[in-house]
Amino acid sequence: MKKKILLTFTGFIWILITISISFQVSAGLCYQESANTSNQTGIDGSCSLSYTGFYVNSTGWNQNVGFTVDNLIDGSFSTKTTQVSGIAFVKMNYTKPEGALSSSLWLIKDRGLSTITQNISILQSCWSQSILQLAVFAYREGIQRRQNWSCYNGTDWVNTTATHDGSTFGEIFEEAMWWNIPSNPCTACQDEDSITLTLDGSAIQNENAILLTLGEGVAANDTCTCPGLNQNWVVDMNDNCSLTVCELGTGTLSFTNTTAIGTAYCNGNINTTNMGPPPDKFTFFINSTCNIGVRS
């Protein structure tokens, strides 16, 4: 389930107005089996997925009938391949769908000491590349096989949490993507919660900002820097923070204050599971580049 609130305001407003905005709930995961059109198993037509990606295969894979490298991209999680010489790899280049979040997951299946199917989080440095570049590298050290599932960060291939070694099997079955694409505008949604926003245009400092005052505050630590994936972000209004792009994952966004005055500014895309209101009588500026996604 997903909650999303989009706050984007432009232009001058010279009177005090109060509006009510509802959070809405919608599913956001879209399954994509293939980076290109070679195999489109499991397409969700409502997701507008892109199939302009491509694969790069090396030599060194098993050539026996029923065990070739094609099994890794055939859409079947029951067929498999193995490395037989050198460092064998398959690179998967996915075109990220419009609106997809960095909390999207990479689905893989392989066998080291045991057969594992798992969803892998994608490193932010890899996600920030224009093309999402993923790969599996397979090789042997003596009789022991190893496979590293990796992503490209613009400079190097970086191992993810899925690195299997210490096994004579080294079997690789399949991979796919789960794209996290919140609906915008939301379709087939229902109201869940609502929040009242007070907009006071008389305090506008430029045509792209509106003064926003919300409810009561919370007590916590302060920072103006995005803490990173799955971390809580607590903003001290006294620091006059400029909040830019931040993917909090399961983390929350909240506000506090240490003095009687202060502000904060939203200047980018921020995704979180919960957003608390700024302290009473403090101001939060929503600039034209601000997009706050609240999901659960």
C-alpha atoms as a PDB file:
ATOM      1  CA  MET A   1       0.000   0.000   0.000  1.00  0.00           C
ATOM      2  CA  LYS A   2       1.220   3.489  -0.750  1.00  0.00           C
ATOM      3  CA  LYS A   3       0.420   6.937   0.509  1.00  0.00           C
ATOM      4  CA  LYS A   4       1.385   9.911  -1.593  1.00  0.00           C
ATOM      5  CA  ILE A   5       0.965  13.630  -1.175  1.00  0.00           C
ATOM      6  CA  LEU A   6       2.194  15.995  -3.855  1.00  0.00           C
ATOM      7  CA  LEU A   7       2.722  19.574  -2.735  1.00  0.00           C
ATOM      8  CA  THR A   8       3.575  21.869  -5.640  1.00  0.00           C
ATOM      9  CA  PHE A   9       2.520  25.520  -5.556  1.00  0.00           C
ATOM     10  CA  THR A  10       3.435  28.475  -7.774  1.00  0.00           C
ATOM     11  CA  GLY A  11       2.350  32.094  -8.127  1.00  0.00           C
ATOM     12  CA  PHE A  12       1.332  34.821  -5.696  1.00  0.00           C
ATOM     13  CA  ILE A  13      -1.502  34.399  -3.204  1.00  0.00           C
ATOM     14  CA  TRP A  14      -2.348  37.468  -1.151  1.00  0.00           C
ATOM     15  CA  ILE A  15      -5.110  36.168   1.118  1.00  0.00           C
ATOM     16  CA  LEU A  16      -5.153  33.604   3.894  1.00  0.00           C
ATOM     17  CA  ILE A  17      -6.735  30.337   2.740  1.00  0.00           C
ATOM     18  CA  THR A  18      -7.120  26.928   4.334  1.00  0.00           C
ATOM     19  CA  ILE A  19      -7.354  23.743   2.260  1.00  0.00           C
ATOM     20  CA  SER A  20      -7.634  20.060   3.031  1.00  0.00           C
ATOM     21  CA  ILE A  21      -5.468  17.571   1.127  1.00  0.00           C
ATOM     22  CA  SER A  22      -6.061  13.824   1.377  1.00  0.00           C
ATOM     23  CA  PHE A  23      -3.466  11.091   1.368  1.00  0.00           C
ATOM     24  CA  GLN A  24      -4.441   8.348  -1.038  1.00  0.00           C
ATOM     25  CA  VAL A  25      -3.582   4.666  -1.193  1.00  0.00           C
ATOM     26  CA  SER A  26      -2.479   2.762  -4.295  1.00  0.00           C
ATOM     27  CA  ALA A  27      -0.325  -0.213  -5.234  1.00  0.00           C
ATOM     28  CA  GLY A  28       3.046   0.741  -6.700  1.00  0.00           C
ATOM     29  CA  LEU A  29       5.001  -2.411  -7.575  1.00  0.00           C
ATOM     30  CA  CYS A  30       5.322  -3.349 -11.241  1.00  0.00           C
ATOM     31  CA  TYR A  31       7.012  -6.572 -12.363  1.00  0.00           C
ATOM     32  CA  GLN A  32       9.375  -6.558 -15.355  1.00  0.00           C
ATOM     33  CA  GLU A  33      10.949  -9.829 -16.430  1.00  0.00           C
ATOM     34  CA  SER A  34      13.003  -8.653 -19.388  1.00  0.00           C
ATOM     35  CA  ALA A  35      15.107  -5.544 -20.064  1.00  0.00           C
ATOM     36  CA  ASN A  36      14.206  -5.777 -23.754  1.00  0.00           C
ATOM     37  CA  THR A  37      11.446  -7.298 -25.872  1.00  0.00           C
ATOM     38  CA  SER A  38      12.999 -10.784 -26.006  1.00  0.00           C
ATOM     39  CA  ASN A  39      10.806 -11.978 -23.140  1.00  0.00           C
ATOM     40  CA  GLN A  40       7.999  -9.935 -21.619  1.00  0.00           C
ATOM     41  CA  THR A  41       6.598 -12.415 -19.106  1.00  0.00           C
ATOM     42  CA  GLY A  42       4.435 -10.873 -16.413  1.00  0.00           C
ATOM     43  CA  ILE A  43       3.839  -7.450 -17.937  1.00  0.00           C
ATOM     44  CA  ASP A  44       1.481  -5.156 -16.053  1.00  0.00           C
ATOM     45  CA  GLY A  45       0.046  -3.024 -18.831  1.00  0.00           C
ATOM     46  CA  SER A  46      -0.859  -0.202 -16.443  1.00  0.00           C
ATOM     47  CA  CYS A  47       2.780   0.386 -15.507  1.00  0.00           C
ATOM     48  CA  SER A  48       4.069   1.837 -18.805  1.00  0.00           C
ATOM     49  CA  LEU A  49       7.310  -0.139 -18.589  1.00  0.00           C
ATOM     50  CA  SER A  50      10.179   0.438 -21.000  1.00  0.00           C
ATOM     51  CA  TYR A  51      11.783  -2.396 -22.986  1.00  0.00           C
ATOM     52  CA  THR A  52      14.617  -0.403 -24.581  1.00  0.00           C
ATOM     53  CA  GLY A  53      17.272  -2.025 -22.359  1.00  0.00           C
ATOM     54  CA  PHE A  54      19.742  -4.695 -23.446  1.00  0.00           C
ATOM     55  CA  TYR A  55      22.006  -7.528 -22.284  1.00  0.00           C
ATOM     56  CA  VAL A  56      25.753  -8.116 -22.644  1.00  0.00           C
ATOM     57  CA  ASN A  57      26.938 -11.719 -22.268  1.00  0.00           C
ATOM     58  CA  SER A  58      30.518 -12.903 -21.933  1.00  0.00           C
ATOM     59  CA  THR A  59      32.014 -16.265 -22.846  1.00  0.00           C
ATOM     60  CA  GLY A  60      32.752 -18.869 -20.185  1.00  0.00           C
ATOM     61  CA  TRP A  61      29.194 -20.093 -19.632  1.00  0.00           C
ATOM     62  CA  ASN A  62      28.000 -23.684 -19.880  1.00  0.00           C
ATOM     63  CA  GLN A  63      27.293 -24.662 -23.509  1.00  0.00           C
ATOM     64  CA  ASN A  64      25.513 -27.931 -22.793  1.00  0.00           C
ATOM     65  CA  VAL A  65      21.953 -28.242 -24.042  1.00  0.00           C
ATOM     66  CA  GLY A  66      19.544 -27.110 -21.333  1.00  0.00           C
ATOM     67  CA  PHE A  67      22.242 -25.237 -19.378  1.00  0.00           C
ATOM     68  CA  THR A  68      23.235 -22.325 -21.629  1.00  0.00           C
ATOM     69  CA  VAL A  69      23.401 -18.694 -20.514  1.00  0.00           C
ATOM     70  CA  ASP A  70      20.087 -18.051 -22.283  1.00  0.00           C
ATOM     71  CA  ASN A  71      18.419 -19.698 -19.275  1.00  0.00           C
ATOM     72  CA  LEU A  72      19.356 -16.673 -17.183  1.00  0.00           C
ATOM     73  CA  ILE A  73      17.109 -14.383 -19.260  1.00  0.00           C
ATOM     74  CA  ASP A  74      14.395 -16.766 -20.495  1.00  0.00           C
ATOM     75  CA  GLY A  75      11.797 -15.745 -17.911  1.00  0.00           C
ATOM     76  CA  SER A  76      11.794 -19.133 -16.179  1.00  0.00           C
ATOM     77  CA  PHE A  77      12.892 -19.449 -12.569  1.00  0.00           C
ATOM     78  CA  SER A  78      13.340 -23.222 -12.976  1.00  0.00           C
ATOM     79  CA  THR A  79      16.014 -23.219 -15.729  1.00  0.00           C
ATOM     80  CA  LYS A  80      19.629 -22.487 -14.855  1.00  0.00           C
ATOM     81  CA  THR A  81      23.172 -22.039 -16.118  1.00  0.00           C
ATOM     82  CA  THR A  82      26.698 -22.342 -14.683  1.00  0.00           C
ATOM     83  CA  GLN A  83      30.115 -20.841 -15.287  1.00  0.00           C
ATOM     84  CA  VAL A  84      32.728 -23.207 -16.737  1.00  0.00           C
ATOM     85  CA  SER A  85      35.789 -21.032 -17.425  1.00  0.00           C
ATOM     86  CA  GLY A  86      37.267 -17.639 -16.610  1.00  0.00           C
ATOM     87  CA  ILE A  87      35.062 -14.880 -15.228  1.00  0.00           C
ATOM     88  CA  ALA A  88      31.683 -15.245 -16.896  1.00  0.00           C
ATOM     89  CA  PHE A  89      29.170 -12.425 -16.671  1.00  0.00           C
ATOM     90  CA  VAL A  90      25.804 -11.202 -17.878  1.00  0.00           C
ATOM     91  CA  LYS A  91      25.114  -7.463 -17.721  1.00  0.00           C
ATOM     92  CA  MET A  92      21.488  -6.329 -17.632  1.00  0.00           C
ATOM     93  CA  ASN A  93      20.789  -2.748 -18.685  1.00  0.00           C
ATOM     94  CA  TYR A  94      17.295  -1.631 -17.677  1.00  0.00           C
ATOM     95  CA  THR A  95      15.606   1.591 -18.755  1.00  0.00           C
ATOM     96  CA  LYS A  96      14.019   3.004 -15.604  1.00  0.00           C
ATOM     97  CA  PRO A  97      10.292   3.676 -16.047  1.00  0.00           C
ATOM     98  CA  GLU A  98       9.103   7.237 -15.517  1.00  0.00           C
ATOM     99  CA  GLY A  99       8.285   7.836 -11.860  1.00  0.00           C
ATOM    100  CA  ALA A 100      10.117   4.757 -10.543  1.00  0.00           C
ATOM    101  CA  LEU A 101      11.646   5.188  -7.075  1.00  0.00           C
ATOM    102  CA  SER A 102      15.057   4.047  -5.873  1.00  0.00           C
ATOM    103  CA  SER A 103      13.233   1.700  -3.467  1.00  0.00           C
ATOM    104  CA  SER A 104      12.585  -0.550  -6.487  1.00  0.00           C
ATOM    105  CA  LEU A 105      13.922  -4.091  -6.006  1.00  0.00           C
ATOM    106  CA  TRP A 106      16.036  -6.491  -8.046  1.00  0.00           C
ATOM    107  CA  LEU A 107      14.697 -10.057  -7.918  1.00  0.00           C
ATOM    108  CA  ILE A 108      17.306 -12.827  -8.300  1.00  0.00           C
ATOM    109  CA  LYS A 109      17.568 -16.591  -7.898  1.00  0.00           C
ATOM    110  CA  ASP A 110      20.772 -18.619  -7.610  1.00  0.00           C
ATOM    111  CA  ARG A 111      22.347 -21.524  -5.768  1.00  0.00           C
ATOM    112  CA  GLY A 112      25.413 -21.428  -3.592  1.00  0.00           C
ATOM    113  CA  LEU A 113      25.265 -23.631  -0.526  1.00  0.00           C
ATOM    114  CA  SER A 114      21.484 -23.482  -0.959  1.00  0.00           C
ATOM    115  CA  THR A 115      18.990 -22.236  -3.539  1.00  0.00           C
ATOM    116  CA  ILE A 116      17.832 -18.704  -2.730  1.00  0.00           C
ATOM    117  CA  THR A 117      15.283 -16.392  -4.338  1.00  0.00           C
ATOM    118  CA  GLN A 118      15.501 -12.888  -2.938  1.00  0.00           C
ATOM    119  CA  ASN A 119      14.767  -9.211  -3.558  1.00  0.00           C
ATOM    120  CA  ILE A 120      17.833  -6.962  -3.444  1.00  0.00           C
ATOM    121  CA  SER A 121      17.851  -3.242  -2.662  1.00  0.00           C
ATOM    122  CA  ILE A 122      19.693  -1.142  -5.233  1.00  0.00           C
ATOM    123  CA  LEU A 123      22.490   1.168  -4.094  1.00  0.00           C
ATOM    124  CA  GLN A 124      21.652   4.854  -4.496  1.00  0.00           C
ATOM    125  CA  SER A 125      24.888   5.475  -6.411  1.00  0.00           C
ATOM    126  CA  CYS A 126      23.826   2.868  -8.981  1.00  0.00           C
ATOM    127  CA  TRP A 127      20.236   4.074  -9.159  1.00  0.00           C
ATOM    128  CA  SER A 128      21.375   7.607  -9.964  1.00  0.00           C
ATOM    129  CA  GLN A 129      22.835   6.465 -13.306  1.00  0.00           C
ATOM    130  CA  SER A 130      20.696   7.272 -16.360  1.00  0.00           C
ATOM    131  CA  ILE A 131      20.519   3.559 -17.228  1.00  0.00           C
ATOM    132  CA  LEU A 132      20.199   1.054 -14.390  1.00  0.00           C
ATOM    133  CA  GLN A 133      23.140  -1.284 -14.986  1.00  0.00           C
ATOM    134  CA  LEU A 134      23.057  -4.629 -13.168  1.00  0.00           C
ATOM    135  CA  ALA A 135      25.198  -7.734 -13.588  1.00  0.00           C
ATOM    136  CA  VAL A 136      26.049 -11.164 -12.257  1.00  0.00           C
ATOM    137  CA  PHE A 137      29.707 -12.236 -12.290  1.00  0.00           C
ATOM    138  CA  ALA A 138      30.540 -15.938 -11.868  1.00  0.00           C
ATOM    139  CA  TYR A 139      33.961 -17.513 -11.415  1.00  0.00           C
ATOM    140  CA  ARG A 140      35.826 -20.269  -9.596  1.00  0.00           C
ATOM    141  CA  GLU A 141      38.609 -20.420  -7.056  1.00  0.00           C
ATOM    142  CA  GLY A 142      39.873 -24.004  -7.179  1.00  0.00           C
ATOM    143  CA  ILE A 143      36.759 -26.169  -7.022  1.00  0.00           C
ATOM    144  CA  GLN A 144      34.738 -23.479  -5.249  1.00  0.00           C
ATOM    145  CA  ARG A 145      32.340 -21.411  -7.345  1.00  0.00           C
ATOM    146  CA  ARG A 146      31.284 -17.834  -6.567  1.00  0.00           C
ATOM    147  CA  GLN A 147      28.743 -15.453  -8.020  1.00  0.00           C
ATOM    148  CA  ASN A 148      28.507 -11.743  -7.311  1.00  0.00           C
ATOM    149  CA  TRP A 149      25.342  -9.807  -8.098  1.00  0.00           C
ATOM    150  CA  SER A 150      26.505  -6.267  -8.735  1.00  0.00           C
ATOM    151  CA  CYS A 151      25.424  -2.828  -9.937  1.00  0.00           C
ATOM    152  CA  TYR A 152      27.384  -0.082 -11.719  1.00  0.00           C
ATOM    153  CA  ASN A 153      27.808   3.242  -9.903  1.00  0.00           C
ATOM    154  CA  GLY A 154      29.302   5.182 -12.808  1.00  0.00           C
ATOM    155  CA  THR A 155      32.871   4.205 -11.916  1.00  0.00           C
ATOM    156  CA  ASP A 156      32.954   0.613 -10.682  1.00  0.00           C
ATOM    157  CA  TRP A 157      30.865  -2.535 -10.401  1.00  0.00           C
ATOM    158  CA  VAL A 158      29.822  -2.735  -6.746  1.00  0.00           C
ATOM    159  CA  ASN A 159      28.789  -5.989  -5.067  1.00  0.00           C
ATOM    160  CA  THR A 160      25.312  -6.049  -3.549  1.00  0.00           C
ATOM    161  CA  THR A 161      24.309  -8.051  -0.489  1.00  0.00           C
ATOM    162  CA  ALA A 162      23.829 -11.133  -2.679  1.00  0.00           C
ATOM    163  CA  THR A 163      27.283 -12.705  -2.962  1.00  0.00           C
ATOM    164  CA  HIS A 164      27.379 -16.490  -2.756  1.00  0.00           C
ATOM    165  CA  ASP A 165      30.532 -18.561  -2.495  1.00  0.00           C
ATOM    166  CA  GLY A 166      31.974 -21.664  -0.864  1.00  0.00           C
ATOM    167  CA  SER A 167      29.990 -24.054  -3.057  1.00  0.00           C
ATOM    168  CA  THR A 168      30.691 -26.420  -5.933  1.00  0.00           C
ATOM    169  CA  PHE A 169      27.261 -25.687  -7.427  1.00  0.00           C
ATOM    170  CA  GLY A 170      27.329 -22.043  -8.537  1.00  0.00           C
ATOM    171  CA  GLU A 171      24.009 -22.295 -10.359  1.00  0.00           C
ATOM    172  CA  ILE A 172      22.316 -19.128 -11.612  1.00  0.00           C
ATOM    173  CA  PHE A 173      18.617 -19.234 -12.496  1.00  0.00           C
ATOM    174  CA  GLU A 174      17.017 -15.871 -13.242  1.00  0.00           C
ATOM    175  CA  GLU A 175      16.639 -12.169 -12.488  1.00  0.00           C
ATOM    176  CA  ALA A 176      13.901  -9.534 -12.899  1.00  0.00           C
ATOM    177  CA  MET A 177      12.855  -6.100 -11.617  1.00  0.00           C
ATOM    178  CA  TRP A 178      10.152  -4.955  -9.210  1.00  0.00           C
ATOM    179  CA  TRP A 179       9.679  -1.265 -10.020  1.00  0.00           C
ATOM    180  CA  ASN A 180       8.204   0.908  -7.291  1.00  0.00           C
ATOM    181  CA  ILE A 181       6.065   3.348  -9.301  1.00  0.00           C
ATOM    182  CA  PRO A 182       3.565   5.316  -7.184  1.00  0.00           C
ATOM    183  CA  SER A 183       0.487   6.302  -9.168  1.00  0.00           C
ATOM    184  CA  ASN A 184       0.382  10.002 -10.056  1.00  0.00           C
ATOM    185  CA  PRO A 185      -2.357  10.859 -10.509  1.00  0.00           C
ATOM    186  CA  CYS A 186      -3.611   8.046  -8.335  1.00  0.00           C
ATOM    187  CA  THR A 187      -6.030   5.598  -9.984  1.00  0.00           C
ATOM    188  CA  ALA A 188      -8.451   3.292  -8.164  1.00  0.00           C
ATOM    189  CA  CYS A 189      -7.479   4.941  -4.884  1.00  0.00           C
ATOM    190  CA  GLN A 190      -9.302   5.604  -1.669  1.00  0.00           C
ATOM    191  CA  ASP A 191      -8.953   8.370   0.887  1.00  0.00           C
ATOM    192  CA  GLU A 192      -7.155   7.260   4.018  1.00  0.00           C
ATOM    193  CA  ASP A 193      -6.123  10.328   5.996  1.00  0.00           C
ATOM    194  CA  SER A 194      -6.377  14.054   5.493  1.00  0.00           C
ATOM    195  CA  ILE A 195      -4.288  16.967   6.682  1.00  0.00           C
ATOM    196  CA  THR A 196      -5.260  20.628   6.812  1.00  0.00           C
ATOM    197  CA  LEU A 197      -2.718  23.030   5.336  1.00  0.00           C
ATOM    198  CA  THR A 198      -2.816  26.756   6.079  1.00  0.00           C
ATOM    199  CA  LEU A 199      -1.374  28.822   3.238  1.00  0.00           C
ATOM    200  CA  ASP A 200      -0.560  32.460   3.934  1.00  0.00           C
ATOM    201  CA  GLY A 201       0.440  34.244   0.735  1.00  0.00           C
ATOM    202  CA  SER A 202       1.205  37.513   2.503  1.00  0.00           C
ATOM    203  CA  ALA A 203       4.525  36.055   3.642  1.00  0.00           C
ATOM    204  CA  ILE A 204       5.670  34.916   0.187  1.00  0.00           C
ATOM    205  CA  GLN A 205       9.288  35.824  -0.516  1.00  0.00           C
ATOM    206  CA  ASN A 206       9.219  34.944  -4.235  1.00  0.00           C
ATOM    207  CA  GLU A 207       6.769  33.695  -6.813  1.00  0.00           C
ATOM    208  CA  ASN A 208       7.785  30.054  -6.343  1.00  0.00           C
ATOM    209  CA  ALA A 209       7.242  29.706  -2.591  1.00  0.00           C
ATOM    210  CA  ILE A 210       4.197  29.641  -0.334  1.00  0.00           C
ATOM    211  CA  LEU A 211       4.290  29.883   3.440  1.00  0.00           C
ATOM    212  CA  LEU A 212       2.909  26.694   4.947  1.00  0.00           C
ATOM    213  CA  THR A 213       2.077  26.286   8.639  1.00  0.00           C
ATOM    214  CA  LEU A 214       1.165  22.868  10.041  1.00  0.00           C
ATOM    215  CA  GLY A 215       0.009  21.712  13.481  1.00  0.00           C
ATOM    216  CA  GLU A 216       2.310  20.910  16.391  1.00  0.00           C
ATOM    217  CA  GLY A 217       5.908  19.793  16.368  1.00  0.00           C
ATOM    218  CA  VAL A 218       7.944  16.864  17.626  1.00  0.00           C
ATOM    219  CA  ALA A 219      11.108  16.612  19.711  1.00  0.00           C
ATOM    220  CA  ALA A 220      14.170  15.013  18.129  1.00  0.00           C
ATOM    221  CA  ASN A 221      17.691  15.649  16.883  1.00  0.00           C
ATOM    222  CA  ASP A 222      18.389  18.170  14.125  1.00  0.00           C
ATOM    223  CA  THR A 223      20.076  17.990  10.724  1.00  0.00           C
ATOM    224  CA  CYS A 224      19.846  19.633   7.303  1.00  0.00           C
ATOM    225  CA  THR A 225      21.443  16.691   5.508  1.00  0.00           C
ATOM    226  CA  CYS A 226      19.582  13.687   4.118  1.00  0.00           C
ATOM    227  CA  PRO A 227      20.552  10.817   6.463  1.00  0.00           C
ATOM    228  CA  GLY A 228      20.220   8.134   3.787  1.00  0.00           C
ATOM    229  CA  LEU A 229      18.116   5.100   3.025  1.00  0.00           C
ATOM    230  CA  ASN A 230      15.996   3.665   5.897  1.00  0.00           C
ATOM    231  CA  GLN A 231      17.091   6.432   8.296  1.00  0.00           C
ATOM    232  CA  ASN A 232      14.893   8.963  10.110  1.00  0.00           C
ATOM    233  CA  TRP A 233      15.380  12.615   9.111  1.00  0.00           C
ATOM    234  CA  VAL A 234      14.703  15.176  11.849  1.00  0.00           C
ATOM    235  CA  VAL A 235      14.926  18.827  10.818  1.00  0.00           C
ATOM    236  CA  ASP A 236      15.531  21.630  13.322  1.00  0.00           C
ATOM    237  CA  MET A 237      13.486  24.617  12.125  1.00  0.00           C
ATOM    238  CA  ASN A 238      16.058  26.928  13.710  1.00  0.00           C
ATOM    239  CA  ASP A 239      18.620  25.758  11.128  1.00  0.00           C
ATOM    240  CA  ASN A 240      16.594  27.163   8.189  1.00  0.00           C
ATOM    241  CA  CYS A 241      17.262  23.961   6.265  1.00  0.00           C
ATOM    242  CA  SER A 242      16.926  23.546   2.522  1.00  0.00           C
ATOM    243  CA  LEU A 243      15.580  20.015   2.029  1.00  0.00           C
ATOM    244  CA  THR A 244      16.715  18.593  -1.287  1.00  0.00           C
ATOM    245  CA  VAL A 245      16.489  15.153  -2.916  1.00  0.00           C
ATOM    246  CA  CYS A 246      16.269  12.389  -0.302  1.00  0.00           C
ATOM    247  CA  GLU A 247      15.111   8.751  -0.447  1.00  0.00           C
ATOM    248  CA  LEU A 248      14.396   7.754   3.171  1.00  0.00           C
ATOM    249  CA  GLY A 249      13.043   4.294   2.371  1.00  0.00           C
ATOM    250  CA  THR A 250      11.442   3.135   5.630  1.00  0.00           C
ATOM    251  CA  GLY A 251      12.677   6.259   7.411  1.00  0.00           C
ATOM    252  CA  THR A 252      10.474   9.152   8.543  1.00  0.00           C
ATOM    253  CA  LEU A 253      10.598  12.943   8.147  1.00  0.00           C
ATOM    254  CA  SER A 254       9.858  15.112  11.199  1.00  0.00           C
ATOM    255  CA  PHE A 255      10.544  18.608  12.519  1.00  0.00           C
ATOM    256  CA  THR A 256      11.581  20.204  15.804  1.00  0.00           C
ATOM    257  CA  ASN A 257      12.728  23.608  17.102  1.00  0.00           C
ATOM    258  CA  THR A 258      15.233  24.945  19.638  1.00  0.00           C
ATOM    259  CA  THR A 259      14.308  28.646  19.566  1.00  0.00           C
ATOM    260  CA  ALA A 260      11.219  30.748  18.997  1.00  0.00           C
ATOM    261  CA  ILE A 261      11.834  31.401  15.298  1.00  0.00           C
ATOM    262  CA  GLY A 262      12.819  29.350  12.263  1.00  0.00           C
ATOM    263  CA  THR A 263      11.900  27.953   8.864  1.00  0.00           C
ATOM    264  CA  ALA A 264      12.602  25.080   6.504  1.00  0.00           C
ATOM    265  CA  TYR A 265      12.395  24.838   2.723  1.00  0.00           C
ATOM    266  CA  CYS A 266      11.485  21.899   0.480  1.00  0.00           C
ATOM    267  CA  ASN A 267      13.489  22.125  -2.759  1.00  0.00           C
ATOM    268  CA  GLY A 268      13.434  18.594  -4.188  1.00  0.00           C
ATOM    269  CA  ASN A 269      11.935  15.101  -4.239  1.00  0.00           C
ATOM    270  CA  ILE A 270      11.627  13.522  -0.791  1.00  0.00           C
ATOM    271  CA  ASN A 271      10.223  10.016  -0.225  1.00  0.00           C
ATOM    272  CA  THR A 272       9.350   8.718   3.237  1.00  0.00           C
ATOM    273  CA  THR A 273       6.940   6.445   5.120  1.00  0.00           C
ATOM    274  CA  ASN A 274       5.712   9.206   7.443  1.00  0.00           C
ATOM    275  CA  MET A 275       5.886  13.000   7.589  1.00  0.00           C
ATOM    276  CA  GLY A 276       5.292  14.851  10.850  1.00  0.00           C
ATOM    277  CA  PRO A 277       4.129  18.494  10.914  1.00  0.00           C
ATOM    278  CA  PRO A 278       6.474  21.413  11.697  1.00  0.00           C
ATOM    279  CA  PRO A 279       6.147  22.989  15.164  1.00  0.00           C
ATOM    280  CA  ASP A 280       3.275  25.382  15.656  1.00  0.00           C
ATOM    281  CA  LYS A 281       3.933  28.958  14.463  1.00  0.00           C
ATOM    282  CA  PHE A 282       6.942  27.858  12.420  1.00  0.00           C
ATOM    283  CA  THR A 283       6.962  28.065   8.618  1.00  0.00           C
ATOM    284  CA  PHE A 284       7.686  25.430   5.981  1.00  0.00           C
ATOM    285  CA  PHE A 285       8.183  26.705   2.432  1.00  0.00           C
ATOM    286  CA  ILE A 286       7.006  24.444  -0.426  1.00  0.00           C
ATOM    287  CA  ASN A 287       8.910  25.513  -3.528  1.00  0.00           C
ATOM    288  CA  SER A 288       7.955  24.671  -7.116  1.00  0.00           C
ATOM    289  CA  THR A 289      10.521  21.828  -7.270  1.00  0.00           C
ATOM    290  CA  CYS A 290       9.138  20.142  -4.128  1.00  0.00           C
ATOM    291  CA  ASN A 291       7.538  16.690  -4.352  1.00  0.00           C
ATOM    292  CA  ILE A 292       6.910  14.860  -1.066  1.00  0.00           C
ATOM    293  CA  GLY A 293       5.919  11.186  -1.348  1.00  0.00           C
ATOM    294  CA  VAL A 294       4.545   9.541   1.820  1.00  0.00           C
ATOM    295  CA  ARG A 295       4.097   5.773   1.552  1.00  0.00           C
ATOM    296  CA  SER A 296       3.679   2.739   3.801  1.00  0.00           C
END
